[in-house]
Amino acid sequence: MMKFLLCSFFLLTGSALMAQSAEREKLQQLEQQREMEKARKVRMVLDSAIYLQEQEDYEAADTKFKFALANMKSVPSDLAYFFGKNSFYLGKYKQSVDWLTKYIQLKGTTGQHSAEAAEWLKKAESSLLAERQTESIKTQQILSRDYTIDCGPTGKVTCPVCNGSTVIIKKDYFGEKYKTCQYCKKLGYLSCEDYNKLLRGQLRPAQ
């Protein structure tokens, strides 16, 4: 009787473990199917984005590219290329440089779009440089106007020429040369008035 009970127990236990294993396997298969379906839909969105880019609807393409990026576990190299190219068309040159560089890092010179990516990267880098130069000129133009920057309650600003050290270090072939800062008068700071003059290019160095 005892042997019968033990056999029955082991049979029941074995059956339960097999059922649990089968259930886990079924759940894993369902999860894989869901992931595959999700990946298929995201790929459709990506294909749609590429089509919109070809139709020169760059804003709509950008929205779909971003959706694909947000819903992919691993970014395919093609997406890096097309998103970088689309970013260029939208004038987002820094973003374009980043993604085109990523594509080239992933595929090197053997990728399907490697040659085009290199060309677009050159354009993006050139446009980014021009954009930064324009921004720099605009900043200088703004600061050159008769605006006065508030220096705070102390009325003082750390000298931007020597960074408060009172000394300017210059390097040449013979080593380092130290020169006393001619703007802060050995104080390491500027008065608010002098600081604003410096920004406008009106502060003359002491002789």
Protein backbone atom coordinates (compact mmCIF):
# COMPACT_ATOMS: atom_id res chain seq x y z
CA MET A 1 0.00 0.00 0.00
CA MET A 2 2.84 2.37 0.91
CA LYS A 3 4.60 1.65 -2.40
CA PHE A 4 1.40 2.38 -4.27
CA LEU A 5 0.99 5.70 -2.47
CA LEU A 6 4.59 6.65 -3.14
CA CYS A 7 4.29 5.77 -6.82
CA SER A 8 1.10 7.76 -7.07
CA PHE A 9 2.76 10.75 -5.37
CA PHE A 10 5.72 10.72 -7.72
CA LEU A 11 3.48 10.31 -10.74
CA LEU A 12 1.32 13.24 -9.68
CA THR A 13 4.36 15.37 -8.87
CA GLY A 14 5.95 14.52 -12.21
CA SER A 15 2.76 15.33 -14.06
CA ALA A 16 2.46 18.68 -12.26
CA LEU A 17 6.08 19.60 -13.09
CA MET A 18 5.56 18.66 -16.71
CA ALA A 19 2.40 20.75 -16.84
CA GLN A 20 4.23 23.73 -15.31
CA SER A 21 7.10 23.34 -17.76
CA ALA A 22 4.66 23.16 -20.68
CA GLU A 23 2.88 26.29 -19.39
CA ARG A 24 6.17 28.20 -19.09
CA GLU A 25 7.15 27.17 -22.61
CA LYS A 26 3.76 28.28 -23.90
CA LEU A 27 4.12 31.67 -22.18
CA GLN A 28 7.62 32.10 -23.61
CA GLN A 29 6.32 31.34 -27.09
CA LEU A 30 3.51 33.88 -26.67
CA GLU A 31 6.01 36.49 -25.49
CA GLN A 32 8.27 35.79 -28.46
CA GLN A 33 5.29 36.11 -30.79
CA ARG A 34 4.36 39.45 -29.21
CA GLU A 35 7.93 40.71 -29.58
CA MET A 36 8.06 39.58 -33.19
CA GLU A 37 4.76 41.29 -33.93
CA LYS A 38 5.94 44.48 -32.23
CA ALA A 39 9.20 44.38 -34.20
CA ARG A 40 7.23 43.87 -37.42
CA LYS A 41 5.04 46.91 -36.73
CA VAL A 42 8.05 49.06 -35.82
CA ARG A 43 9.77 47.97 -39.03
CA MET A 44 6.66 49.05 -40.96
CA VAL A 45 6.88 52.46 -39.29
CA LEU A 46 10.56 52.67 -40.23
CA ASP A 47 9.78 51.79 -43.85
CA SER A 48 7.08 54.45 -43.81
CA ALA A 49 9.56 57.00 -42.46
CA ILE A 50 12.03 56.22 -45.25
CA TYR A 51 9.24 56.60 -47.82
CA LEU A 52 8.23 59.98 -46.34
CA GLN A 53 11.86 61.09 -46.46
CA GLU A 54 12.00 60.20 -50.16
CA GLN A 55 8.84 62.28 -50.63
CA GLU A 56 10.61 65.19 -48.87
CA ASP A 57 8.13 65.19 -45.97
CA TYR A 58 10.96 65.43 -43.44
CA GLU A 59 8.90 66.49 -40.43
CA ALA A 60 6.55 63.52 -40.75
CA ALA A 61 9.52 61.22 -41.34
CA ASP A 62 11.20 62.60 -38.21
CA THR A 63 8.16 61.70 -36.09
CA LYS A 64 8.19 58.12 -37.37
CA PHE A 65 11.95 57.75 -36.96
CA LYS A 66 11.66 58.85 -33.34
CA PHE A 67 8.84 56.35 -32.75
CA ALA A 68 11.02 53.57 -34.16
CA LEU A 69 13.94 54.64 -31.96
CA ALA A 70 11.74 54.63 -28.86
CA ASN A 71 10.33 51.17 -29.57
CA MET A 72 13.39 49.23 -30.69
CA LYS A 73 15.56 47.29 -28.25
CA SER A 74 18.53 47.50 -30.60
CA VAL A 75 18.91 50.20 -33.24
CA PRO A 76 19.63 48.85 -36.73
CA SER A 77 22.47 50.54 -38.59
CA ASP A 78 20.12 51.57 -41.42
CA LEU A 79 18.04 53.60 -38.98
CA ALA A 80 21.17 55.48 -37.85
CA TYR A 81 21.89 56.40 -41.48
CA PHE A 82 18.38 57.47 -42.47
CA PHE A 83 17.74 59.37 -39.22
CA GLY A 84 21.06 61.20 -39.59
CA LYS A 85 20.24 62.10 -43.19
CA ASN A 86 16.75 63.29 -42.27
CA SER A 87 18.15 65.38 -39.42
CA PHE A 88 20.34 67.20 -41.94
CA TYR A 89 17.30 68.12 -44.03
CA LEU A 90 15.65 69.53 -40.89
CA GLY A 91 18.69 71.66 -40.12
CA LYS A 92 19.54 69.62 -37.00
CA TYR A 93 23.20 69.41 -37.91
CA LYS A 94 24.61 68.27 -34.57
CA GLN A 95 22.09 65.42 -34.45
CA SER A 96 22.88 64.59 -38.06
CA VAL A 97 26.61 64.41 -37.33
CA ASP A 98 26.03 62.16 -34.29
CA TRP A 99 23.86 59.60 -36.11
CA LEU A 100 25.83 59.50 -39.34
CA THR A 101 28.99 59.01 -37.31
CA LYS A 102 27.26 56.18 -35.46
CA TYR A 103 26.38 54.50 -38.76
CA ILE A 104 29.97 54.73 -40.02
CA GLN A 105 31.25 53.36 -36.71
CA LEU A 106 28.88 50.41 -37.02
CA LYS A 107 29.41 49.62 -40.71
CA GLY A 108 32.79 51.11 -41.58
CA THR A 109 33.35 51.35 -45.33
CA THR A 110 31.51 48.13 -46.16
CA GLY A 111 27.94 49.18 -45.31
CA GLN A 112 25.25 49.55 -47.93
CA HIS A 113 25.08 53.30 -47.27
CA SER A 114 28.70 53.91 -46.20
CA ALA A 115 29.66 56.10 -49.17
CA GLU A 116 26.48 58.19 -48.91
CA ALA A 117 26.84 58.44 -45.13
CA ALA A 118 30.37 59.82 -45.51
CA GLU A 119 29.14 62.46 -47.99
CA TRP A 120 26.21 63.49 -45.79
CA LEU A 121 28.53 63.59 -42.77
CA LYS A 122 30.83 66.06 -44.55
CA LYS A 123 27.85 68.25 -45.39
CA ALA A 124 26.51 68.07 -41.83
CA GLU A 125 29.89 68.91 -40.28
CA SER A 126 30.35 71.85 -42.66
CA SER A 127 26.84 73.16 -41.93
CA LEU A 128 27.33 72.70 -38.18
CA LEU A 129 30.57 74.70 -38.29
CA ALA A 130 28.90 77.48 -40.27
CA GLU A 131 25.97 77.50 -37.83
CA ARG A 132 28.28 77.83 -34.83
CA GLN A 133 30.23 80.62 -36.49
CA THR A 134 26.99 82.46 -37.17
CA GLU A 135 25.89 82.00 -33.55
CA SER A 136 29.26 83.30 -32.36
CA ILE A 137 28.94 86.39 -34.56
CA LYS A 138 25.40 87.00 -33.30
CA THR A 139 26.60 86.72 -29.69
CA GLN A 140 29.41 89.17 -30.33
CA GLN A 141 26.98 91.57 -32.01
CA ILE A 142 24.64 91.40 -29.03
CA LEU A 143 27.44 91.96 -26.52
CA SER A 144 28.85 94.80 -28.58
CA ARG A 145 25.65 96.77 -28.17
CA ASP A 146 25.06 99.09 -25.25
CA TYR A 147 23.81 96.36 -22.94
CA THR A 148 25.09 96.26 -19.38
CA ILE A 149 25.44 92.90 -17.67
CA ASP A 150 24.54 92.81 -13.99
CA CYS A 151 27.52 91.43 -12.07
CA GLY A 152 25.63 90.72 -8.86
CA PRO A 153 25.84 92.26 -5.39
CA THR A 154 29.66 92.20 -5.22
CA GLY A 155 30.03 94.30 -8.34
CA LYS A 156 33.01 92.16 -9.29
CA VAL A 157 33.69 89.40 -11.83
CA THR A 158 36.60 86.97 -11.97
CA CYS A 159 38.89 88.19 -14.74
CA PRO A 160 38.08 86.07 -17.82
CA VAL A 161 41.48 86.84 -19.36
CA CYS A 162 43.60 85.20 -16.64
CA ASN A 163 40.80 83.26 -14.89
CA GLY A 164 41.62 85.03 -11.62
CA SER A 165 45.26 83.92 -11.48
CA THR A 166 46.60 87.41 -12.38
CA VAL A 167 49.06 85.62 -14.67
CA ILE A 168 48.82 84.67 -18.34
CA ILE A 169 50.81 81.61 -19.40
CA LYS A 170 51.97 81.30 -22.98
CA LYS A 171 53.70 78.25 -24.40
CA ASP A 172 56.27 78.22 -27.17
CA TYR A 173 59.10 76.00 -28.33
CA PHE A 174 61.27 77.10 -25.41
CA GLY A 175 58.72 76.26 -22.74
CA GLU A 176 56.25 78.38 -20.78
CA LYS A 177 56.35 82.13 -20.40
CA TYR A 178 54.54 83.94 -17.60
CA LYS A 179 53.16 87.40 -18.04
CA THR A 180 51.21 89.56 -15.61
CA CYS A 181 47.61 90.08 -16.70
CA GLN A 182 47.25 93.58 -18.08
CA TYR A 183 43.51 93.77 -17.52
CA CYS A 184 42.84 93.00 -13.86
CA LYS A 185 45.73 95.05 -12.39
CA LYS A 186 47.05 92.07 -10.39
CA LEU A 187 43.72 91.73 -8.58
CA GLY A 188 42.34 88.64 -10.31
CA TYR A 189 38.97 90.31 -10.85
CA LEU A 190 37.37 93.14 -12.79
CA SER A 191 34.93 95.73 -11.63
CA CYS A 192 31.52 95.42 -13.24
CA GLU A 193 32.21 98.52 -15.32
CA ASP A 194 35.50 97.14 -16.63
CA TYR A 195 33.94 93.74 -17.27
CA ASN A 196 31.26 95.28 -19.49
CA LYS A 197 33.91 97.32 -21.28
CA LEU A 198 35.90 94.14 -21.89
CA LEU A 199 32.85 92.44 -23.43
CA ARG A 200 32.39 95.37 -25.77
CA GLY A 201 36.09 95.45 -26.69
CA GLN A 202 36.48 98.84 -25.03
CA LEU A 203 38.80 97.89 -22.15
CA ARG A 204 42.42 98.64 -22.96
CA PRO A 205 45.24 96.64 -21.32
CA ALA A 206 47.46 98.48 -18.88
CA GLN A 207 50.89 99.38 -20.23
